[in-house]
C-alpha atoms as a PDB file:
ATOM      1  CA  GLN A   1       4.049  91.338 -46.647  1.00  0.00           C
ATOM      2  CA  VAL A   2       4.322  87.830 -45.297  1.00  0.00           C
ATOM      3  CA  GLN A   3       2.873  86.748 -41.968  1.00  0.00           C
ATOM      4  CA  LEU A   4       4.198  83.677 -40.156  1.00  0.00           C
ATOM      5  CA  VAL A   5       2.645  81.730 -37.302  1.00  0.00           C
ATOM      6  CA  GLU A   6       4.523  78.942 -35.519  1.00  0.00           C
ATOM      7  CA  SER A   7       3.033  76.077 -33.536  1.00  0.00           C
ATOM      8  CA  GLY A   8       4.084  72.766 -32.048  1.00  0.00           C
ATOM      9  CA  GLY A   9       6.425  73.783 -29.273  1.00  0.00           C
ATOM     10  CA  GLY A  10       6.282  72.255 -25.821  1.00  0.00           C
ATOM     11  CA  LEU A  11       8.065  70.324 -23.115  1.00  0.00           C
ATOM     12  CA  VAL A  12       9.800  67.067 -23.964  1.00  0.00           C
ATOM     13  CA  GLN A  13      12.332  64.808 -22.292  1.00  0.00           C
ATOM     14  CA  ALA A  14      15.838  64.461 -23.628  1.00  0.00           C
ATOM     15  CA  GLY A  15      15.918  61.970 -26.477  1.00  0.00           C
ATOM     16  CA  GLY A  16      12.352  62.784 -27.470  1.00  0.00           C
ATOM     17  CA  SER A  17      10.919  64.394 -30.586  1.00  0.00           C
ATOM     18  CA  LEU A  18       8.823  67.401 -31.532  1.00  0.00           C
ATOM     19  CA  ARG A  19       7.568  68.771 -34.814  1.00  0.00           C
ATOM     20  CA  LEU A  20       7.228  72.499 -35.298  1.00  0.00           C
ATOM     21  CA  SER A  21       4.986  73.996 -37.952  1.00  0.00           C
ATOM     22  CA  CYS A  22       4.979  77.455 -39.487  1.00  0.00           C
ATOM     23  CA  ALA A  23       2.084  78.642 -41.593  1.00  0.00           C
ATOM     24  CA  ALA A  24       2.698  81.519 -43.977  1.00  0.00           C
ATOM     25  CA  SER A  25       0.058  83.924 -45.244  1.00  0.00           C
ATOM     26  CA  GLY A  26      -0.038  87.123 -47.240  1.00  0.00           C
ATOM     27  CA  ARG A  27       2.321  87.463 -50.199  1.00  0.00           C
ATOM     28  CA  THR A  28       3.378  83.836 -50.032  1.00  0.00           C
ATOM     29  CA  PHE A  29       4.117  83.759 -53.756  1.00  0.00           C
ATOM     30  CA  SER A  30       7.106  86.003 -53.052  1.00  0.00           C
ATOM     31  CA  ILE A  31       8.760  83.624 -50.574  1.00  0.00           C
ATOM     32  CA  TYR A  32      12.018  82.091 -51.733  1.00  0.00           C
ATOM     33  CA  THR A  33      13.453  80.727 -48.487  1.00  0.00           C
ATOM     34  CA  LEU A  34      11.791  79.596 -45.280  1.00  0.00           C
ATOM     35  CA  GLY A  35      13.950  78.994 -42.278  1.00  0.00           C
ATOM     36  CA  TRP A  36      14.088  78.281 -38.578  1.00  0.00           C
ATOM     37  CA  PHE A  37      16.131  80.124 -35.987  1.00  0.00           C
ATOM     38  CA  ARG A  38      16.284  79.782 -32.220  1.00  0.00           C
ATOM     39  CA  GLN A  39      17.234  81.877 -29.225  1.00  0.00           C
ATOM     40  CA  ALA A  40      18.151  80.429 -25.875  1.00  0.00           C
ATOM     41  CA  PRO A  41      18.031  82.533 -22.676  1.00  0.00           C
ATOM     42  CA  GLY A  42      20.986  84.876 -22.516  1.00  0.00           C
ATOM     43  CA  LYS A  43      22.186  83.959 -25.993  1.00  0.00           C
ATOM     44  CA  GLU A  44      21.914  85.492 -29.437  1.00  0.00           C
ATOM     45  CA  ARG A  45      19.501  84.202 -32.019  1.00  0.00           C
ATOM     46  CA  GLU A  46      21.100  81.479 -34.123  1.00  0.00           C
ATOM     47  CA  PHE A  47      20.368  79.796 -37.418  1.00  0.00           C
ATOM     48  CA  VAL A  48      18.907  76.279 -37.302  1.00  0.00           C
ATOM     49  CA  ALA A  49      17.810  75.287 -40.797  1.00  0.00           C
ATOM     50  CA  ALA A  50      16.535  76.724 -44.073  1.00  0.00           C
ATOM     51  CA  SER A  51      14.787  75.508 -47.185  1.00  0.00           C
ATOM     52  CA  GLY A  52      15.122  77.447 -50.419  1.00  0.00           C
ATOM     53  CA  GLY A  53      17.052  76.528 -53.508  1.00  0.00           C
ATOM     54  CA  SER A  54      18.802  74.060 -51.233  1.00  0.00           C
ATOM     55  CA  THR A  55      18.427  72.817 -47.683  1.00  0.00           C
ATOM     56  CA  THR A  56      20.952  73.829 -45.058  1.00  0.00           C
ATOM     57  CA  TYR A  57      21.398  73.016 -41.370  1.00  0.00           C
ATOM     58  CA  ALA A  58      23.433  74.259 -38.486  1.00  0.00           C
ATOM     59  CA  GLY A  59      26.109  71.794 -37.513  1.00  0.00           C
ATOM     60  CA  SER A  60      24.618  71.359 -34.062  1.00  0.00           C
ATOM     61  CA  VAL A  61      21.349  69.954 -35.438  1.00  0.00           C
ATOM     62  CA  LYS A  62      22.478  68.166 -38.577  1.00  0.00           C
ATOM     63  CA  GLY A  63      21.383  64.553 -38.528  1.00  0.00           C
ATOM     64  CA  ARG A  64      18.787  65.202 -35.818  1.00  0.00           C
ATOM     65  CA  PHE A  65      16.523  67.894 -37.308  1.00  0.00           C
ATOM     66  CA  THR A  66      14.778  67.850 -40.685  1.00  0.00           C
ATOM     67  CA  ILE A  67      13.206  70.847 -42.414  1.00  0.00           C
ATOM     68  CA  SER A  68      10.484  70.306 -44.976  1.00  0.00           C
ATOM     69  CA  ARG A  69       8.024  72.420 -46.919  1.00  0.00           C
ATOM     70  CA  ASP A  70       4.499  71.915 -48.147  1.00  0.00           C
ATOM     71  CA  ASN A  71       4.144  74.635 -50.752  1.00  0.00           C
ATOM     72  CA  ALA A  72       0.483  73.811 -51.345  1.00  0.00           C
ATOM     73  CA  LYS A  73      -0.213  74.625 -47.692  1.00  0.00           C
ATOM     74  CA  ASN A  74       2.370  77.419 -47.462  1.00  0.00           C
ATOM     75  CA  THR A  75       3.778  75.642 -44.447  1.00  0.00           C
ATOM     76  CA  VAL A  76       7.272  74.730 -43.324  1.00  0.00           C
ATOM     77  CA  TYR A  77       8.015  72.089 -40.720  1.00  0.00           C
ATOM     78  CA  LEU A  78      10.915  71.309 -38.451  1.00  0.00           C
ATOM     79  CA  GLN A  79      11.061  67.711 -37.277  1.00  0.00           C
ATOM     80  CA  MET A  80      13.312  67.549 -34.244  1.00  0.00           C
ATOM     81  CA  ASN A  81      14.560  64.146 -33.068  1.00  0.00           C
ATOM     82  CA  SER A  82      17.020  63.090 -30.376  1.00  0.00           C
ATOM     83  CA  LEU A  83      16.430  66.355 -28.565  1.00  0.00           C
ATOM     84  CA  LYS A  84      18.979  67.549 -26.047  1.00  0.00           C
ATOM     85  CA  PRO A  85      18.633  70.020 -23.151  1.00  0.00           C
ATOM     86  CA  GLU A  86      20.807  72.444 -25.116  1.00  0.00           C
ATOM     87  CA  ASP A  87      18.091  72.560 -27.791  1.00  0.00           C
ATOM     88  CA  THR A  88      15.917  74.462 -25.301  1.00  0.00           C
ATOM     89  CA  ALA A  89      15.053  77.815 -26.863  1.00  0.00           C
ATOM     90  CA  VAL A  90      12.367  79.910 -28.466  1.00  0.00           C
ATOM     91  CA  TYR A  91      12.160  78.782 -32.071  1.00  0.00           C
ATOM     92  CA  TYR A  92      11.317  81.326 -34.763  1.00  0.00           C
ATOM     93  CA  CYS A  93      10.170  80.838 -38.318  1.00  0.00           C
ATOM     94  CA  ALA A  94      11.489  83.291 -40.887  1.00  0.00           C
ATOM     95  CA  ALA A  95      10.994  84.036 -44.571  1.00  0.00           C
ATOM     96  CA  ARG A  96      12.875  85.927 -47.215  1.00  0.00           C
ATOM     97  CA  THR A  97      11.907  86.852 -50.715  1.00  0.00           C
ATOM     98  CA  VAL A  98      15.408  86.988 -52.131  1.00  0.00           C
ATOM     99  CA  VAL A  99      17.965  84.295 -52.824  1.00  0.00           C
ATOM    100  CA  THR A 100      20.453  85.645 -50.312  1.00  0.00           C
ATOM    101  CA  GLY A 101      20.442  88.294 -47.646  1.00  0.00           C
ATOM    102  CA  PRO A 102      18.541  88.878 -44.432  1.00  0.00           C
ATOM    103  CA  PHE A 103      15.227  87.285 -43.556  1.00  0.00           C
ATOM    104  CA  GLY A 104      12.589  90.015 -43.661  1.00  0.00           C
ATOM    105  CA  SER A 105       9.591  88.312 -42.045  1.00  0.00           C
ATOM    106  CA  TRP A 106       9.490  86.631 -38.648  1.00  0.00           C
ATOM    107  CA  GLY A 107       6.981  84.714 -36.588  1.00  0.00           C
ATOM    108  CA  GLN A 108       6.291  85.311 -32.919  1.00  0.00           C
ATOM    109  CA  GLY A 109       8.204  82.227 -31.786  1.00  0.00           C
ATOM    110  CA  THR A 110       7.318  79.007 -30.020  1.00  0.00           C
ATOM    111  CA  GLN A 111       8.975  77.701 -26.871  1.00  0.00           C
ATOM    112  CA  VAL A 112      10.743  74.352 -26.905  1.00  0.00           C
ATOM    113  CA  THR A 113      11.939  73.015 -23.565  1.00  0.00           C
ATOM    114  CA  VAL A 114      13.949  69.812 -23.306  1.00  0.00           C
ATOM    115  CA  SER A 115      14.311  68.370 -19.817  1.00  0.00           C
ATOM    116  CA  SER A 116      17.229  66.190 -18.784  1.00  0.00           C
END
Protein backbone atom coordinates (compact mmCIF):
# COMPACT_ATOMS: atom_id res chain seq x y z
CA GLN A 1 0.00 0.00 0.00
CA VAL A 2 0.96 3.60 -0.55
CA GLN A 3 0.12 6.39 1.87
CA LEU A 4 0.01 10.02 0.73
CA VAL A 5 0.02 13.18 2.81
CA GLU A 6 -0.51 16.61 1.25
CA SER A 7 0.56 19.96 2.65
CA GLY A 8 0.93 23.55 1.54
CA GLY A 9 -2.64 24.65 1.01
CA GLY A 10 -3.96 27.97 2.24
CA LEU A 11 -5.54 31.29 1.39
CA VAL A 12 -4.02 33.45 -1.32
CA GLN A 13 -5.11 36.45 -3.35
CA ALA A 14 -5.80 36.17 -7.04
CA GLY A 15 -2.57 36.37 -9.01
CA GLY A 16 -0.59 34.84 -6.16
CA SER A 17 1.26 31.54 -5.87
CA LEU A 18 1.24 28.44 -3.70
CA ARG A 19 3.24 25.25 -3.71
CA LEU A 20 1.62 22.00 -2.66
CA SER A 21 3.64 19.02 -1.50
CA CYS A 22 2.69 15.36 -1.27
CA ALA A 23 4.86 12.91 0.61
CA ALA A 24 4.48 9.23 -0.22
CA SER A 25 5.28 6.36 2.12
CA GLY A 26 4.82 2.62 2.16
CA ARG A 27 5.38 0.71 -1.07
CA THR A 28 6.79 3.74 -2.85
CA PHE A 29 8.90 1.56 -5.14
CA SER A 30 5.66 0.47 -6.82
CA ILE A 31 4.56 3.99 -7.78
CA TYR A 32 4.54 4.72 -11.49
CA THR A 33 2.47 7.91 -11.65
CA LEU A 34 1.84 10.64 -9.11
CA GLY A 35 -0.86 13.13 -9.81
CA TRP A 36 -2.95 15.98 -8.50
CA PHE A 37 -6.71 16.30 -8.64
CA ARG A 38 -9.06 18.90 -7.21
CA GLN A 39 -12.68 19.18 -6.18
CA ALA A 40 -14.52 22.45 -5.87
CA PRO A 41 -17.74 22.77 -3.82
CA GLY A 42 -20.65 21.26 -5.69
CA LYS A 43 -18.46 19.93 -8.48
CA GLU A 44 -16.94 16.58 -9.36
CA ARG A 45 -13.31 15.81 -8.75
CA GLU A 46 -11.20 16.77 -11.75
CA PHE A 47 -7.72 16.00 -13.00
CA VAL A 48 -5.08 18.71 -12.61
CA ALA A 49 -1.68 17.25 -13.45
CA ALA A 50 0.29 14.00 -13.41
CA SER A 51 3.89 12.90 -13.59
CA GLY A 52 4.74 9.41 -14.79
CA GLY A 53 6.31 8.38 -18.04
CA SER A 54 5.34 11.85 -19.19
CA THR A 55 3.91 14.98 -17.64
CA THR A 56 0.35 16.01 -18.40
CA TYR A 57 -1.83 18.95 -17.38
CA ALA A 58 -5.44 19.92 -17.54
CA GLY A 59 -6.03 22.66 -20.06
CA SER A 60 -7.29 25.01 -17.38
CA VAL A 61 -3.95 25.01 -15.53
CA LYS A 62 -1.46 24.56 -18.34
CA GLY A 63 1.10 27.33 -18.32
CA ARG A 64 0.27 28.29 -14.73
CA PHE A 65 0.86 25.09 -12.73
CA THR A 66 3.97 22.91 -12.72
CA ILE A 67 4.20 19.37 -11.35
CA SER A 68 7.55 18.00 -10.27
CA ARG A 69 8.87 14.96 -8.45
CA ASP A 70 11.73 14.32 -6.09
CA ASN A 71 12.07 10.56 -6.22
CA ALA A 72 14.77 10.55 -3.54
CA LYS A 73 12.27 12.11 -1.13
CA ASN A 74 9.24 10.27 -2.52
CA THR A 75 7.56 13.63 -2.88
CA VAL A 76 5.59 15.31 -5.63
CA TYR A 77 5.00 19.04 -5.81
CA LEU A 78 2.50 21.28 -7.52
CA GLN A 79 3.69 24.83 -8.07
CA MET A 80 0.67 27.00 -8.72
CA ASN A 81 1.19 30.49 -10.16
CA SER A 82 -1.21 33.17 -11.37
CA LEU A 83 -3.94 31.68 -9.22
CA LYS A 84 -7.54 32.50 -10.00
CA PRO A 85 -10.66 32.32 -7.80
CA GLU A 86 -11.84 29.38 -9.90
CA ASP A 87 -8.79 27.43 -8.70
CA THR A 88 -10.40 27.31 -5.25
CA ALA A 89 -10.84 23.65 -4.32
CA VAL A 90 -9.62 20.81 -2.16
CA TYR A 91 -6.52 19.46 -3.86
CA TYR A 92 -5.77 15.74 -3.65
CA CYS A 93 -2.59 13.84 -4.35
CA ALA A 94 -2.96 10.43 -5.97
CA ALA A 95 -0.73 7.54 -6.96
CA ARG A 96 -1.01 4.57 -9.25
CA THR A 97 1.24 1.61 -9.71
CA VAL A 98 0.33 0.91 -13.31
CA VAL A 99 1.02 2.79 -16.51
CA THR A 100 -2.64 3.47 -17.20
CA GLY A 101 -5.87 3.04 -15.34
CA PRO A 102 -7.35 4.42 -12.14
CA PHE A 103 -5.36 5.95 -9.32
CA GLY A 104 -5.50 3.54 -6.39
CA SER A 105 -4.09 5.64 -3.54
CA TRP A 106 -5.31 9.04 -2.40
CA GLY A 107 -4.31 11.62 0.16
CA GLN A 108 -6.70 13.36 2.52
CA GLY A 109 -6.66 16.63 0.57
CA THR A 110 -5.55 20.17 1.27
CA GLN A 111 -7.71 23.26 0.88
CA VAL A 112 -6.68 26.00 -1.53
CA THR A 113 -8.71 29.20 -1.44
CA VAL A 114 -8.08 32.03 -3.89
CA SER A 115 -9.73 35.34 -3.05
CA SER A 116 -10.65 37.91 -5.67
